[in-house]
Amino acid sequence: MYYSLHGTLAHIEHGMAVIECGGVGYKCFVSMTTQKSLPQTGNPVKLFTYLSVREDALDLFGFSSNSELNCYKLLISVSGIGAKTALAVLSEYTAEKVALCIATGDSKALTKVSGIGMKGAQRIVLELKDKFKGMAIDEGTGEVLDMGVVSASGNAAEAITALSMLGYSQSEAAFAISKLDSSLPVEILIRDCLKSITN
């Protein structure tokens, strides 16, 4: 229903921000990652939003980037992971770090999030990792890349998977990765790809 809000930051407190748009203040639940990126009250701000509809409530969640919003949507698609738990994950880690944890199967890192035990963390990794298996097309050469063998180290394949989880197409991610040294650590590949894709 709401794609984004662009207005004035009217109020902020722990885990919540109010964005005033056209005289209406919209209360958005936000992650600590988004909250840290917000300007001082009274300044213009834009948040990408997700409306959670339940029998007893309509809750609006705000995110500083499309990547964080996409990561949130992925997390709440996992059985047993609710809106507030997904927000807790994104308060502990950036969307890129969450995607990296899932791509590399690092469920232990996710147990640091309050409310997520080992079983829940393993379920997140299992359910989301399987969604992004397959092929990618290098838009530069048109070559079909097998994501499992993009490089001997597998770092490029893991970075492509992580970028896909953040909402980028596999071909877009593969093209950006193809311009980099695939032997670089996954974290650096993701960071450099995000810079090149968003520029």
Protein backbone atom coordinates (compact mmCIF):
# COMPACT_ATOMS: atom_id res chain seq x y z
CA MET A 1 0.00 0.00 0.00
CA TYR A 2 2.78 2.45 0.93
CA TYR A 3 6.01 2.23 -1.04
CA SER A 4 7.84 5.05 0.69
CA LEU A 5 7.40 8.18 2.79
CA HIS A 6 9.18 11.41 1.95
CA GLY A 7 8.67 14.21 4.41
CA THR A 8 9.98 15.83 7.57
CA LEU A 9 11.32 13.87 10.51
CA ALA A 10 8.95 15.07 13.23
CA HIS A 11 9.90 12.80 16.13
CA ILE A 12 12.30 9.99 16.94
CA GLU A 13 12.66 7.60 19.84
CA HIS A 14 14.06 4.11 20.38
CA GLY A 15 12.91 1.91 17.50
CA MET A 16 10.43 4.44 16.12
CA ALA A 17 10.31 7.53 13.93
CA VAL A 18 7.47 9.84 12.91
CA ILE A 19 7.57 11.20 9.37
CA GLU A 20 5.27 14.13 8.66
CA CYS A 21 3.92 14.15 5.11
CA GLY A 22 1.30 16.68 4.05
CA GLY A 23 0.29 17.44 7.62
CA VAL A 24 -0.04 13.77 8.63
CA GLY A 25 2.48 12.13 10.95
CA TYR A 26 3.24 8.50 10.08
CA LYS A 27 4.62 6.37 12.89
CA CYS A 28 7.21 3.95 11.52
CA PHE A 29 8.94 1.21 13.43
CA VAL A 30 12.61 1.30 12.43
CA SER A 31 15.70 -0.81 12.96
CA MET A 32 18.67 0.58 14.82
CA THR A 33 20.53 0.59 11.49
CA THR A 34 17.93 2.91 9.98
CA GLN A 35 17.65 4.97 13.15
CA LYS A 36 21.39 5.69 13.11
CA SER A 37 21.10 6.99 9.54
CA LEU A 38 18.26 9.44 10.29
CA PRO A 39 18.94 13.18 10.33
CA GLN A 40 18.05 15.54 13.17
CA THR A 41 14.34 16.18 13.72
CA GLY A 42 12.97 18.90 11.46
CA ASN A 43 15.02 17.75 8.47
CA PRO A 44 13.72 16.05 5.31
CA VAL A 45 13.88 12.26 5.24
CA LYS A 46 12.80 9.39 3.02
CA LEU A 47 11.99 5.89 4.25
CA PHE A 48 11.01 2.84 2.23
CA THR A 49 8.05 1.23 3.95
CA TYR A 50 6.29 -2.03 4.64
CA LEU A 51 2.74 -2.15 6.02
CA SER A 52 2.09 -5.09 8.34
CA VAL A 53 -1.62 -5.93 8.46
CA ARG A 54 -2.99 -7.96 11.37
CA GLU A 55 -6.44 -8.41 12.86
CA ASP A 56 -5.77 -5.96 15.65
CA ALA A 57 -3.19 -3.59 14.16
CA LEU A 58 -1.76 -1.86 11.11
CA ASP A 59 1.96 -1.32 11.70
CA LEU A 60 4.18 0.65 9.36
CA PHE A 61 7.88 -0.27 9.19
CA GLY A 62 10.41 2.15 7.71
CA PHE A 63 13.82 1.43 6.17
CA SER A 64 16.62 3.72 5.03
CA SER A 65 17.33 1.68 1.89
CA ASN A 66 15.63 -0.66 -0.53
CA SER A 67 18.22 -3.28 0.39
CA GLU A 68 17.12 -3.23 4.02
CA LEU A 69 13.44 -3.38 3.02
CA ASN A 70 14.07 -6.36 0.72
CA CYS A 71 16.02 -8.12 3.45
CA TYR A 72 13.15 -7.49 5.89
CA LYS A 73 10.62 -9.00 3.46
CA LEU A 74 12.81 -12.07 3.08
CA LEU A 75 13.12 -12.50 6.83
CA ILE A 76 9.38 -12.30 7.51
CA SER A 77 8.79 -14.91 4.79
CA VAL A 78 10.55 -17.45 7.03
CA SER A 79 8.16 -19.53 9.13
CA GLY A 80 8.26 -18.46 12.75
CA ILE A 81 9.90 -15.09 12.07
CA GLY A 82 7.55 -12.21 12.80
CA ALA A 83 7.74 -8.51 12.04
CA LYS A 84 9.42 -7.50 15.29
CA THR A 85 11.95 -10.36 15.17
CA ALA A 86 12.92 -9.44 11.61
CA LEU A 87 13.41 -5.85 12.76
CA ALA A 88 15.58 -7.10 15.64
CA VAL A 89 17.80 -8.92 13.11
CA LEU A 90 18.23 -5.71 11.12
CA SER A 91 18.98 -3.81 14.32
CA GLU A 92 21.84 -6.19 15.07
CA TYR A 93 23.19 -6.43 11.50
CA THR A 94 23.03 -4.45 8.27
CA ALA A 95 21.10 -5.98 5.38
CA GLU A 96 24.40 -6.77 3.68
CA LYS A 97 25.68 -8.64 6.75
CA VAL A 98 22.41 -10.60 7.05
CA ALA A 99 22.65 -11.58 3.40
CA LEU A 100 26.26 -12.61 3.89
CA CYS A 101 25.33 -14.77 6.91
CA ILE A 102 22.66 -16.52 4.87
CA ALA A 103 24.83 -16.91 1.78
CA THR A 104 27.69 -18.43 3.79
CA GLY A 105 25.44 -20.53 6.03
CA ASP A 106 26.59 -18.71 9.17
CA SER A 107 23.58 -19.43 11.37
CA LYS A 108 25.63 -18.98 14.54
CA ALA A 109 25.98 -15.24 13.89
CA LEU A 110 22.19 -14.89 13.75
CA THR A 111 21.83 -16.35 17.27
CA LYS A 112 23.27 -13.08 18.61
CA VAL A 113 19.90 -11.50 17.82
CA SER A 114 17.58 -11.36 20.82
CA GLY A 115 14.74 -13.86 20.38
CA ILE A 116 16.49 -16.10 17.84
CA GLY A 117 17.88 -19.42 19.00
CA MET A 118 19.99 -21.87 17.02
CA LYS A 119 16.96 -23.62 15.51
CA GLY A 120 15.46 -20.32 14.37
CA ALA A 121 18.78 -19.18 12.92
CA GLN A 122 19.24 -22.45 11.06
CA ARG A 123 15.69 -22.18 9.71
CA ILE A 124 16.41 -18.67 8.38
CA VAL A 125 19.54 -19.86 6.60
CA LEU A 126 17.89 -23.00 5.24
CA GLU A 127 14.72 -21.35 3.95
CA LEU A 128 16.38 -18.32 2.40
CA LYS A 129 19.52 -19.88 0.98
CA ASP A 130 17.47 -22.24 -1.19
CA LYS A 131 15.55 -19.35 -2.77
CA PHE A 132 18.57 -18.05 -4.64
CA LYS A 133 20.12 -21.08 -6.25
CA GLY A 134 20.40 -21.25 -10.02
CA MET A 135 21.99 -19.47 -12.90
CA ALA A 136 23.10 -15.92 -13.58
CA ILE A 137 23.74 -14.18 -16.89
CA ASP A 138 26.68 -11.85 -17.34
CA GLU A 139 25.11 -8.83 -19.07
CA GLY A 140 28.49 -7.80 -20.40
CA THR A 141 29.21 -10.98 -22.37
CA GLY A 142 25.84 -12.76 -22.33
CA GLU A 143 27.64 -15.77 -20.89
CA VAL A 144 25.62 -18.05 -18.64
CA LEU A 145 27.34 -18.43 -15.29
CA ASP A 146 26.80 -21.34 -12.95
CA MET A 147 26.60 -19.65 -9.56
CA GLY A 148 28.13 -22.70 -7.92
CA VAL A 149 31.33 -22.47 -9.96
CA VAL A 150 31.76 -18.76 -10.66
CA SER A 151 35.18 -18.99 -9.07
CA ALA A 152 37.36 -21.64 -7.54
CA SER A 153 37.11 -19.98 -4.13
CA GLY A 154 33.34 -19.62 -4.36
CA ASN A 155 33.58 -16.04 -3.06
CA ALA A 156 32.02 -14.61 -6.20
CA ALA A 157 29.12 -17.08 -6.04
CA GLU A 158 28.48 -16.21 -2.38
CA ALA A 159 28.58 -12.48 -3.17
CA ILE A 160 26.10 -12.94 -6.06
CA THR A 161 23.76 -14.86 -3.77
CA ALA A 162 24.01 -12.16 -1.09
CA LEU A 163 23.31 -9.37 -3.60
CA SER A 164 20.35 -11.33 -4.97
CA MET A 165 18.91 -11.52 -1.47
CA LEU A 166 19.14 -7.75 -1.27
CA GLY A 167 16.88 -7.40 -4.30
CA TYR A 168 19.37 -7.09 -7.15
CA SER A 169 18.89 -9.36 -10.15
CA GLN A 170 21.34 -12.24 -10.44
CA SER A 171 22.49 -10.98 -13.84
CA GLU A 172 23.07 -7.48 -12.43
CA ALA A 173 25.06 -8.93 -9.52
CA ALA A 174 27.04 -11.28 -11.79
CA PHE A 175 27.92 -8.42 -14.12
CA ALA A 176 29.18 -6.28 -11.23
CA ILE A 177 31.17 -9.22 -9.79
CA SER A 178 32.75 -9.95 -13.18
CA LYS A 179 34.53 -6.59 -13.00
CA LEU A 180 36.23 -7.49 -9.70
CA ASP A 181 38.90 -9.91 -8.57
CA SER A 182 36.88 -12.98 -7.51
CA SER A 183 39.59 -14.00 -5.05
CA LEU A 184 38.75 -11.01 -2.81
CA PRO A 185 36.91 -11.74 0.45
CA VAL A 186 33.13 -11.95 0.13
CA GLU A 187 32.58 -8.85 2.29
CA ILE A 188 34.79 -6.71 0.01
CA LEU A 189 33.15 -8.08 -3.14
CA ILE A 190 29.71 -7.19 -1.79
CA ARG A 191 30.83 -3.72 -0.68
CA ASP A 192 32.49 -2.90 -4.00
CA CYS A 193 29.56 -4.28 -5.99
CA LEU A 194 27.09 -2.17 -4.03
CA LYS A 195 29.18 0.91 -4.78
CA SER A 196 29.31 0.16 -8.51
CA ILE A 197 25.61 -0.76 -8.77
CA THR A 198 24.36 2.32 -6.93
CA ASN A 199 26.66 4.78 -8.71
